[in-house]
């Protein structure tokens, strides 16, 4: 159940790089009192201009900085500098100073795993985040899905959320959501988020779905097949993968899938390609420039089902994925409504994540956001039953309990304060032991468990709606 948050809950962030800055922004919006220690003057200047948090110039290993921020006041320290050793040592310092929760980002897979010489408890870390491994495991999960598009299990699998891109000839194109609901009266479902351009929209019934929109549909598990048919999706079992880029993520995905999936990995650096060919014996490693159409053709992109762009460059990943998508479609003689072929791209800018999902790519992943959301989930664990971030959308799905006398319990959903429209959407409610998709006349009762979809920066509004 949500509690009224106050600025007494103080969080210390070490490092304001990509993950640190994103965390500071999210926690600030959720009304935590955030303090950050950062040594880089440019990052400090930018944070000072854009965030309302306490900033301390200094190094994460400078004990005088720790004393300056009064460490005994913090409930959590989050070490996300770009140095693994500094982050691990920061957890040791925080433990000595009595900070109860220690979170650290560590890129090396030699630490913190079950079979590591030094595990999380040895390092005095409560939550250890491996960003590249986190995103690689999610990519592996997505590739192994049998369904045409992404499917997210929530409520212990009783409710599912299906991601689909609306094609030019989709049965949903150019229809208002209320009309789509009326056309399919035999089962309950709800479109809970729409990605369009660089924007994520929490829709109302009057919203018209357009070609190239990326949508998330919430439905009870037993009606998943109905939703896929409604959206014009098809089921397939993808078994052929091409990976562009043999860095930490590309290599890790290959390691995770090489026993189950036929993989080709294209690496532009000749020495790196040679090393990978020895380290990945079951993977066909090719040396070449995957941003070039001729190189992709020679590598056999027309023969694969899934293309993953995992280089360190945003533009290369997006453009190579679009190029590969068109080549795969052309070879199969399909239209953009097909769904049998998949493209996954790594992006590092938040706006690119939504944009990439609406210009033709199927899934765009941001390791910074994935790492930050894993940390946020840990911090919120006492008030949220579960939380998930929707890939390609600037939105989260959370499971909460409605407090007695909270605003959500006073009126049916259709009559809630218009302030919440476009920010929050109640998707399902647990009633009489069964998860039901929520509709306009659903009236949430006190102590009921509810699944909510909200824009990523609107969680505090969910808190207000479900607390007293």
Protein backbone atom coordinates (compact mmCIF):
# COMPACT_ATOMS: atom_id res chain seq x y z
CA UNK A 1 0.00 0.00 0.00
CA UNK A 2 1.21 3.49 -0.79
CA UNK A 3 2.22 5.65 2.12
CA UNK A 4 2.41 9.40 2.16
CA UNK A 5 6.02 10.13 1.30
CA UNK A 6 7.95 12.98 2.82
CA UNK A 7 11.35 14.49 2.36
CA UNK A 8 12.50 12.66 5.48
CA UNK A 9 13.42 9.75 3.22
CA UNK A 10 16.86 10.76 2.07
CA UNK A 11 18.83 9.07 -0.69
CA UNK A 12 22.52 9.61 -1.48
CA UNK A 13 23.64 9.14 -5.09
CA UNK A 14 27.34 8.83 -5.93
CA UNK A 15 27.89 9.83 -9.56
CA UNK A 16 25.64 11.82 -11.88
CA UNK A 17 26.34 10.02 -15.13
CA UNK A 18 23.52 8.51 -17.19
CA UNK A 19 22.10 6.22 -14.50
CA UNK A 20 22.75 8.61 -11.60
CA UNK A 21 21.11 11.58 -13.30
CA UNK A 22 18.07 9.56 -14.39
CA UNK A 23 17.66 8.20 -10.85
CA UNK A 24 17.98 11.66 -9.33
CA UNK A 25 15.30 12.99 -11.66
CA UNK A 26 12.88 10.13 -10.93
CA UNK A 27 13.42 10.21 -7.16
CA UNK A 28 13.03 13.99 -7.09
CA UNK A 29 9.65 13.69 -8.83
CA UNK A 30 8.63 11.05 -6.28
CA UNK A 31 9.45 13.49 -3.48
CA UNK A 32 12.52 11.85 -2.00
CA UNK A 33 15.21 14.15 -0.64
CA UNK A 34 18.15 13.48 -2.97
CA UNK A 35 21.78 14.39 -2.38
CA UNK A 36 24.42 13.69 -5.02
CA UNK A 37 28.22 13.71 -4.86
CA UNK A 38 29.88 14.34 -8.23
CA UNK A 39 33.39 15.43 -9.22
CA UNK A 40 32.79 16.44 -12.85
CA UNK A 41 32.03 20.20 -13.05
CA UNK A 42 30.05 19.90 -16.30
CA UNK A 43 27.74 17.24 -14.89
CA UNK A 44 27.33 19.31 -11.73
CA UNK A 45 26.44 22.40 -13.74
CA UNK A 46 23.85 20.54 -15.80
CA UNK A 47 22.31 18.94 -12.71
CA UNK A 48 22.20 22.31 -10.95
CA UNK A 49 20.28 23.79 -13.90
CA UNK A 50 17.79 20.96 -14.31
CA UNK A 51 17.28 19.24 -10.94
CA UNK A 52 16.05 20.34 -7.52
CA UNK A 53 18.44 18.26 -5.41
CA UNK A 54 21.37 18.91 -3.08
CA UNK A 55 24.68 18.81 -4.97
CA UNK A 56 28.11 18.29 -3.41
CA UNK A 57 31.26 18.67 -5.49
CA UNK A 58 33.76 15.99 -4.58
CA UNK A 59 34.89 12.41 -5.05
CA UNK A 60 32.94 9.37 -3.88
CA UNK A 61 36.04 8.18 -1.99
CA UNK A 62 36.56 11.47 -0.17
CA UNK A 63 35.50 10.82 3.42
CA UNK A 64 35.18 14.54 4.07
CA UNK A 65 32.40 14.65 1.46
CA UNK A 66 30.63 11.83 3.25
CA UNK A 67 30.83 13.67 6.55
CA UNK A 68 29.59 16.88 4.92
CA UNK A 69 26.33 15.23 3.78
CA UNK A 70 25.63 13.71 7.25
CA UNK A 71 25.46 10.03 6.23
CA UNK A 72 23.48 8.91 9.29
CA UNK A 73 20.43 10.68 7.82
CA UNK A 74 20.17 8.53 4.68
CA UNK A 75 18.05 5.43 4.14
CA UNK A 76 19.99 4.41 1.04
CA UNK A 77 23.22 5.04 -0.86
CA UNK A 78 23.37 4.37 -4.62
CA UNK A 79 26.90 4.10 -6.03
CA UNK A 80 26.73 4.53 -9.81
CA UNK A 81 30.06 6.11 -10.72
CA UNK A 82 31.83 4.81 -13.83
CA UNK A 83 34.37 2.90 -11.69
CA UNK A 84 33.48 -0.57 -10.35
CA UNK A 85 36.10 -0.44 -7.60
CA UNK A 86 34.85 2.94 -6.35
CA UNK A 87 31.26 1.66 -6.24
CA UNK A 88 32.25 -1.45 -4.31
CA UNK A 89 34.35 0.52 -1.85
CA UNK A 90 31.53 3.05 -1.41
CA UNK A 91 29.28 0.23 -0.21
CA UNK A 92 31.90 -0.69 2.39
CA UNK A 93 32.07 2.92 3.60
CA UNK A 94 28.26 3.20 3.72
CA UNK A 95 28.08 -0.01 5.75
CA UNK A 96 30.62 1.34 8.26
CA UNK A 97 28.61 4.56 8.54
CA UNK A 98 25.40 2.66 9.25
CA UNK A 99 23.44 3.43 6.06
CA UNK A 100 20.91 0.56 5.92
CA UNK A 101 20.59 0.06 2.14
CA UNK A 102 23.58 -0.12 -0.21
CA UNK A 103 23.13 -0.30 -3.99
CA UNK A 104 26.02 -0.46 -6.45
CA UNK A 105 26.36 -0.66 -10.22
CA UNK A 106 29.15 -3.01 -11.27
CA UNK A 107 29.82 -3.85 -14.90
CA UNK A 108 32.20 -6.76 -14.30
CA UNK A 109 30.48 -10.15 -14.07
CA UNK A 110 33.32 -11.42 -11.85
CA UNK A 111 31.65 -9.95 -8.76
CA UNK A 112 28.30 -10.36 -7.08
CA UNK A 113 27.01 -13.52 -8.74
CA UNK A 114 26.24 -16.77 -6.90
CA UNK A 115 29.45 -18.46 -8.06
CA UNK A 116 31.68 -15.37 -7.69
CA UNK A 117 34.61 -15.30 -5.28
CA UNK A 118 33.09 -12.12 -3.79
CA UNK A 119 29.30 -12.19 -3.54
CA UNK A 120 26.96 -9.33 -2.66
CA UNK A 121 27.04 -10.12 1.06
CA UNK A 122 30.86 -10.13 1.01
CA UNK A 123 30.80 -6.71 -0.63
CA UNK A 124 28.23 -5.34 1.88
CA UNK A 125 25.89 -4.62 -1.04
CA UNK A 126 22.13 -5.14 -0.76
CA UNK A 127 21.44 -4.75 -4.48
CA UNK A 128 24.09 -5.17 -7.14
CA UNK A 129 23.23 -4.06 -10.67
CA UNK A 130 25.06 -5.42 -13.72
CA UNK A 131 23.60 -3.14 -16.46
CA UNK A 132 24.95 -5.04 -19.46
CA UNK A 133 23.94 -8.40 -18.01
CA UNK A 134 20.53 -7.00 -17.09
CA UNK A 135 19.81 -5.85 -20.63
CA UNK A 136 21.33 -9.02 -22.16
CA UNK A 137 19.06 -11.24 -20.06
CA UNK A 138 16.04 -9.18 -21.08
CA UNK A 139 17.01 -9.44 -24.76
CA UNK A 140 17.39 -13.19 -24.39
CA UNK A 141 13.93 -13.37 -22.81
CA UNK A 142 12.40 -11.35 -25.63
CA UNK A 143 14.04 -13.46 -28.32
CA UNK A 144 12.85 -16.70 -26.74
CA UNK A 145 9.22 -15.52 -26.64
CA UNK A 146 6.99 -17.50 -29.00
CA UNK A 147 4.63 -14.58 -29.54
CA UNK A 148 5.00 -12.17 -32.42
CA UNK A 149 5.54 -9.16 -30.18
CA UNK A 150 6.60 -8.58 -26.60
CA UNK A 151 4.43 -10.11 -23.88
CA UNK A 152 4.81 -8.99 -20.25
CA UNK A 153 3.48 -11.20 -17.46
CA UNK A 154 2.04 -9.35 -14.47
CA UNK A 155 -0.09 -10.41 -11.50
CA UNK A 156 1.77 -13.74 -11.42
CA UNK A 157 0.91 -14.35 -15.06
CA UNK A 158 -2.86 -13.96 -14.69
CA UNK A 159 -2.76 -10.68 -16.64
CA UNK A 160 -0.63 -10.09 -19.71
CA UNK A 161 0.41 -6.98 -21.59
CA UNK A 162 1.00 -7.32 -25.31
CA UNK A 163 3.09 -4.84 -27.30
CA UNK A 164 2.11 -4.38 -30.93
CA UNK A 165 2.96 -1.95 -33.73
CA UNK A 166 -0.04 -0.82 -35.76
CA UNK A 167 0.54 -1.29 -39.47
CA UNK A 168 -1.07 0.57 -42.36
CA UNK A 169 -3.57 -2.26 -42.87
CA UNK A 170 -4.09 -3.19 -39.23
CA UNK A 171 -7.74 -3.69 -38.19
CA UNK A 172 -7.08 -1.17 -35.40
CA UNK A 173 -5.81 1.67 -37.61
CA UNK A 174 -7.89 4.86 -37.80
CA UNK A 175 -10.31 3.71 -35.09
CA UNK A 176 -11.13 5.26 -31.75
CA UNK A 177 -10.47 3.07 -28.71
CA UNK A 178 -14.11 3.17 -27.62
CA UNK A 179 -15.12 1.88 -31.06
CA UNK A 180 -12.52 -0.89 -30.94
CA UNK A 181 -13.90 -1.97 -27.56
CA UNK A 182 -17.42 -2.01 -29.00
CA UNK A 183 -16.26 -4.12 -31.97
CA UNK A 184 -14.92 -6.87 -29.67
CA UNK A 185 -17.54 -7.35 -26.93
CA UNK A 186 -16.75 -11.00 -26.17
CA UNK A 187 -13.72 -10.33 -23.94
CA UNK A 188 -12.38 -7.47 -21.84
CA UNK A 189 -9.14 -5.75 -22.82
CA UNK A 190 -7.67 -2.30 -22.51
CA UNK A 191 -5.15 -0.29 -24.53
CA UNK A 192 -3.14 1.22 -21.69
CA UNK A 193 -0.32 3.06 -23.49
CA UNK A 194 0.43 4.41 -26.94
CA UNK A 195 3.87 5.45 -28.24
CA UNK A 196 3.69 8.01 -31.05
CA UNK A 197 6.70 9.92 -32.37
CA UNK A 198 8.81 10.66 -29.29
CA UNK A 199 5.81 10.79 -26.95
CA UNK A 200 4.10 8.23 -24.74
CA UNK A 201 0.34 8.72 -24.31
CA UNK A 202 -1.91 7.25 -21.62
CA UNK A 203 -5.04 7.11 -23.81
CA UNK A 204 -8.72 7.86 -23.30
CA UNK A 205 -11.59 6.18 -25.12
CA UNK A 206 -11.76 9.01 -27.66
CA UNK A 207 -8.18 8.56 -28.84
CA UNK A 208 -7.79 7.44 -32.45
CA UNK A 209 -5.16 4.80 -33.15
CA UNK A 210 -2.96 5.66 -36.14
CA UNK A 211 -0.67 3.57 -38.36
CA UNK A 212 2.85 3.25 -36.91
CA UNK A 213 1.60 3.72 -33.34
CA UNK A 214 3.12 1.29 -30.85
CA UNK A 215 0.46 0.12 -28.39
CA UNK A 216 0.29 -1.88 -25.16
CA UNK A 217 -2.86 -3.95 -24.64
CA UNK A 218 -3.75 -5.38 -21.20
CA UNK A 219 -5.78 -8.59 -21.18
CA UNK A 220 -6.48 -11.62 -19.01
CA UNK A 221 -4.18 -14.52 -19.85
CA UNK A 222 -6.95 -16.69 -21.27
CA UNK A 223 -7.79 -14.02 -23.86
CA UNK A 224 -4.23 -13.42 -25.13
CA UNK A 225 -4.93 -15.26 -28.39
CA UNK A 226 -8.01 -13.07 -28.98
CA UNK A 227 -5.96 -9.89 -28.57
CA UNK A 228 -3.24 -11.12 -30.91
CA UNK A 229 -5.86 -11.96 -33.54
CA UNK A 230 -7.53 -8.57 -33.01
CA UNK A 231 -4.20 -6.76 -33.49
CA UNK A 232 -3.33 -8.82 -36.57
CA UNK A 233 -0.37 -10.48 -34.88
CA UNK A 234 0.90 -13.94 -35.67
CA UNK A 235 2.76 -16.50 -33.61
CA UNK A 236 6.20 -17.65 -34.56
CA UNK A 237 9.18 -19.39 -33.02
CA UNK A 238 12.26 -17.36 -33.84
CA UNK A 239 15.43 -19.37 -33.93
CA UNK A 240 17.84 -17.38 -36.14
CA UNK A 241 19.52 -14.28 -34.74
CA UNK A 242 22.01 -11.74 -36.08
CA UNK A 243 23.85 -9.54 -33.57
CA UNK A 244 25.56 -6.33 -34.66
CA UNK A 245 28.32 -5.47 -32.22
CA UNK A 246 30.39 -7.78 -30.04
CA UNK A 247 30.69 -5.56 -26.98
CA UNK A 248 29.58 -6.49 -23.48
CA UNK A 249 25.89 -6.76 -24.38
CA UNK A 250 26.28 -8.44 -27.78
CA UNK A 251 28.71 -11.01 -26.42
CA UNK A 252 26.58 -11.73 -23.36
CA UNK A 253 23.44 -12.27 -25.46
CA UNK A 254 25.38 -14.70 -27.64
CA UNK A 255 26.61 -16.55 -24.55
CA UNK A 256 23.08 -16.86 -23.17
CA UNK A 257 21.49 -18.07 -26.42
CA UNK A 258 24.19 -19.94 -28.34
CA UNK A 259 22.92 -23.37 -27.25
CA UNK A 260 19.32 -22.74 -28.32
CA UNK A 261 19.49 -20.28 -31.21
CA UNK A 262 21.43 -20.13 -34.47
CA UNK A 263 23.50 -16.92 -34.14
CA UNK A 264 25.59 -14.77 -36.45
CA UNK A 265 27.58 -11.96 -34.82
CA UNK A 266 28.99 -9.09 -36.91
CA UNK A 267 31.87 -7.12 -35.36
CA UNK A 268 33.62 -4.20 -37.06
CA UNK A 269 36.91 -4.55 -35.15
CA UNK A 270 39.00 -7.33 -36.68
CA UNK A 271 40.95 -8.20 -33.51
CA UNK A 272 37.77 -8.23 -31.41
CA UNK A 273 36.09 -10.48 -33.99
CA UNK A 274 39.00 -12.91 -33.81
CA UNK A 275 38.79 -13.03 -30.01
CA UNK A 276 35.03 -13.59 -30.09
CA UNK A 277 35.34 -16.46 -32.55
CA UNK A 278 37.45 -18.31 -29.95
CA UNK A 279 35.29 -17.33 -26.97
CA UNK A 280 31.97 -18.22 -28.66
CA UNK A 281 32.53 -21.59 -30.39
CA UNK A 282 28.86 -22.12 -31.26
CA UNK A 283 28.46 -18.64 -32.82
CA UNK A 284 29.36 -17.68 -36.39
CA UNK A 285 31.46 -14.54 -35.91
CA UNK A 286 31.91 -12.29 -38.96
CA UNK A 287 34.17 -9.27 -39.41
CA UNK A 288 32.46 -6.37 -41.15
CA UNK A 289 30.62 -3.05 -40.98
CA UNK A 290 27.01 -3.89 -40.15
CA UNK A 291 25.80 -0.39 -40.99
CA UNK A 292 26.49 -1.17 -44.64
CA UNK A 293 23.74 -2.86 -46.69
CA UNK A 294 26.22 -4.88 -48.73
CA UNK A 295 27.92 -6.17 -45.59
CA UNK A 296 24.55 -7.18 -44.12
CA UNK A 297 23.65 -8.97 -47.32
CA UNK A 298 26.94 -10.88 -47.32
CA UNK A 299 26.35 -11.77 -43.66
CA UNK A 300 22.95 -13.22 -44.59
CA UNK A 301 20.56 -10.83 -42.86
CA UNK A 302 17.76 -12.01 -45.17
CA UNK A 303 17.93 -15.45 -43.57
CA UNK A 304 17.47 -14.39 -39.92
CA UNK A 305 14.30 -13.84 -37.92
CA UNK A 306 15.66 -11.40 -35.35
CA UNK A 307 18.23 -8.61 -35.70
CA UNK A 308 19.88 -7.08 -32.62
CA UNK A 309 21.89 -3.87 -32.92
CA UNK A 310 24.11 -3.64 -29.83
CA UNK A 311 26.93 -1.28 -30.79
CA UNK A 312 27.85 1.70 -28.62
CA UNK A 313 26.37 4.24 -31.05
CA UNK A 314 22.68 5.31 -31.06
CA UNK A 315 22.49 6.26 -34.71
CA UNK A 316 24.26 3.12 -35.89
CA UNK A 317 21.90 0.92 -33.90
CA UNK A 318 18.74 2.64 -35.11
CA UNK A 319 19.73 2.99 -38.77
CA UNK A 320 21.20 -0.52 -39.00
CA UNK A 321 18.04 -1.97 -37.49
CA UNK A 322 15.83 -0.10 -39.96
CA UNK A 323 18.06 -1.22 -42.82
CA UNK A 324 17.98 -4.84 -41.64
CA UNK A 325 14.20 -4.71 -41.14
CA UNK A 326 13.61 -3.57 -44.70
CA UNK A 327 16.00 -6.16 -46.11
CA UNK A 328 14.33 -8.94 -44.12
CA UNK A 329 10.88 -7.81 -45.27
CA UNK A 330 11.96 -7.47 -48.89
CA UNK A 331 13.40 -10.98 -48.93
CA UNK A 332 10.21 -12.43 -47.45
CA UNK A 333 7.97 -10.42 -49.77
CA UNK A 334 6.06 -9.11 -46.75
CA UNK A 335 4.58 -5.75 -45.84
CA UNK A 336 5.34 -3.80 -42.73
CA UNK A 337 2.35 -5.46 -41.09
CA UNK A 338 4.10 -8.82 -41.02
CA UNK A 339 5.40 -9.24 -37.48
CA UNK A 340 7.39 -12.40 -38.23
CA UNK A 341 10.72 -10.56 -38.31
CA UNK A 342 11.98 -8.64 -35.28
CA UNK A 343 14.49 -5.85 -34.71
CA UNK A 344 15.89 -4.88 -31.32
CA UNK A 345 18.10 -1.82 -30.86
CA UNK A 346 20.05 -0.51 -27.89
CA UNK A 347 19.66 3.25 -27.39
CA UNK A 348 21.11 5.58 -24.78
CA UNK A 349 18.88 8.64 -25.13
CA UNK A 350 15.42 8.57 -23.54
CA UNK A 351 13.68 10.27 -26.49
CA UNK A 352 15.24 7.78 -28.90
CA UNK A 353 13.65 4.89 -27.02
CA UNK A 354 10.12 5.97 -27.88
CA UNK A 355 11.07 7.29 -31.34
CA UNK A 356 12.78 4.05 -32.35
CA UNK A 357 9.69 2.03 -31.44
CA UNK A 358 7.45 4.17 -33.66
CA UNK A 359 9.55 4.49 -36.84
CA UNK A 360 9.61 0.79 -37.64
CA UNK A 361 11.71 -0.93 -35.00
CA UNK A 362 10.02 -3.49 -32.79
CA UNK A 363 11.84 -3.02 -29.49
CA UNK A 364 14.24 -0.34 -28.24
CA UNK A 365 16.08 -0.96 -24.98
CA UNK A 366 17.97 1.52 -22.83
CA UNK A 367 20.40 -0.06 -20.38
CA UNK A 368 20.52 3.15 -18.31
CA UNK A 369 16.75 3.11 -17.81
CA UNK A 370 16.70 -0.64 -17.16
CA UNK A 371 19.39 -0.33 -14.49
CA UNK A 372 17.69 2.69 -12.92
CA UNK A 373 14.30 0.96 -12.85
CA UNK A 374 15.76 -2.09 -11.13
CA UNK A 375 17.13 0.27 -8.47
CA UNK A 376 13.84 2.17 -8.19
CA UNK A 377 11.96 -1.09 -7.78
CA UNK A 378 14.20 -2.00 -4.85
CA UNK A 379 13.77 1.40 -3.19
CA UNK A 380 9.97 1.28 -3.56
CA UNK A 381 9.64 -2.37 -2.51
CA UNK A 382 7.83 -1.53 0.74
CA UNK A 383 5.02 0.33 -1.03
CA UNK A 384 4.72 -1.39 -4.43
CA UNK A 385 3.80 -5.03 -4.89
CA UNK A 386 5.49 -5.06 -8.29
CA UNK A 387 6.70 -2.70 -10.97
CA UNK A 388 7.77 -3.05 -14.60
CA UNK A 389 8.97 -0.61 -17.23
CA UNK A 390 7.39 -0.80 -20.68
CA UNK A 391 10.10 -1.06 -23.33
CA UNK A 392 9.79 1.62 -25.98
CA UNK A 393 7.41 3.62 -23.79
CA UNK A 394 8.03 6.31 -21.19
CA UNK A 395 5.65 4.47 -18.87
CA UNK A 396 5.58 2.04 -15.96
CA UNK A 397 3.10 -0.58 -14.81
CA UNK A 398 2.68 -0.99 -11.05
CA UNK A 399 0.59 -3.17 -8.79
CA UNK A 400 -0.74 -1.38 -5.70
CA UNK A 401 -3.35 -1.71 -2.94
CA UNK A 402 -6.07 0.93 -2.61
CA UNK A 403 -6.08 2.45 0.87
CA UNK A 404 -9.42 2.86 2.66
CA UNK A 405 -10.88 6.33 1.97
CA UNK A 406 -8.34 7.00 -0.78
CA UNK A 407 -9.59 9.06 -3.77
CA UNK A 408 -9.61 6.01 -6.05
CA UNK A 409 -12.30 4.33 -3.88
CA UNK A 410 -14.79 7.22 -3.98
CA UNK A 411 -15.96 7.11 -7.62
CA UNK A 412 -16.09 4.75 -10.62
CA UNK A 413 -13.08 5.10 -12.90
CA UNK A 414 -14.99 7.05 -15.55
CA UNK A 415 -15.86 9.74 -12.99
CA UNK A 416 -12.39 10.28 -11.52
CA UNK A 417 -10.94 13.79 -11.45
CA UNK A 418 -10.06 14.81 -15.06
CA UNK A 419 -6.64 15.80 -13.69
CA UNK A 420 -5.57 12.15 -13.89
CA UNK A 421 -6.54 11.66 -17.55
CA UNK A 422 -3.53 11.21 -19.76
CA UNK A 423 -1.33 10.47 -16.74
CA UNK A 424 -2.75 7.38 -15.06
CA UNK A 425 -4.85 4.45 -16.27
CA UNK A 426 -6.23 1.66 -14.07
CA UNK A 427 -5.89 -1.52 -16.10
CA UNK A 428 -7.05 -4.39 -13.86
CA UNK A 429 -8.35 -5.18 -10.39
CA UNK A 430 -8.16 -8.36 -8.27
CA UNK A 431 -11.75 -9.15 -7.28
CA UNK A 432 -13.01 -12.37 -5.68
CA UNK A 433 -9.63 -13.97 -6.32
CA UNK A 434 -9.70 -13.28 -10.08
CA UNK A 435 -7.96 -10.50 -12.00
CA UNK A 436 -10.47 -8.53 -14.07
CA UNK A 437 -9.69 -5.94 -16.73
CA UNK A 438 -10.99 -2.59 -15.45
CA UNK A 439 -13.46 -0.57 -17.53
CA UNK A 440 -15.09 2.82 -17.11
CA UNK A 441 -17.79 1.73 -14.67
CA UNK A 442 -15.39 -0.28 -12.49
CA UNK A 443 -15.42 1.05 -8.90
CA UNK A 444 -12.28 0.23 -6.91
CA UNK A 445 -12.97 -0.88 -3.34
CA UNK A 446 -10.75 -0.35 -0.27
CA UNK A 447 -7.91 -2.90 0.10
CA UNK A 448 -8.30 -4.17 -3.47
CA UNK A 449 -5.14 -4.87 -5.47
CA UNK A 450 -4.99 -2.88 -8.67
CA UNK A 451 -2.70 -2.73 -11.71
CA UNK A 452 -1.99 0.83 -12.85
CA UNK A 453 -0.16 2.17 -15.90
CA UNK A 454 1.31 5.65 -15.59
CA UNK A 455 3.81 7.91 -17.28
CA UNK A 456 7.22 7.33 -15.72
CA UNK A 457 7.29 10.71 -13.99
CA UNK A 458 3.75 10.44 -12.62
CA UNK A 459 4.19 7.81 -9.91
CA UNK A 460 3.66 10.45 -7.23
CA UNK A 461 0.19 11.07 -8.69
CA UNK A 462 -0.55 7.35 -8.38
CA UNK A 463 0.52 7.65 -4.75
CA UNK A 464 -1.94 10.49 -4.17
CA UNK A 465 -4.76 8.57 -5.86
CA UNK A 466 -4.28 5.38 -3.83
CA UNK A 467 -3.30 6.77 -0.40
CA UNK A 468 -5.16 8.69 2.27
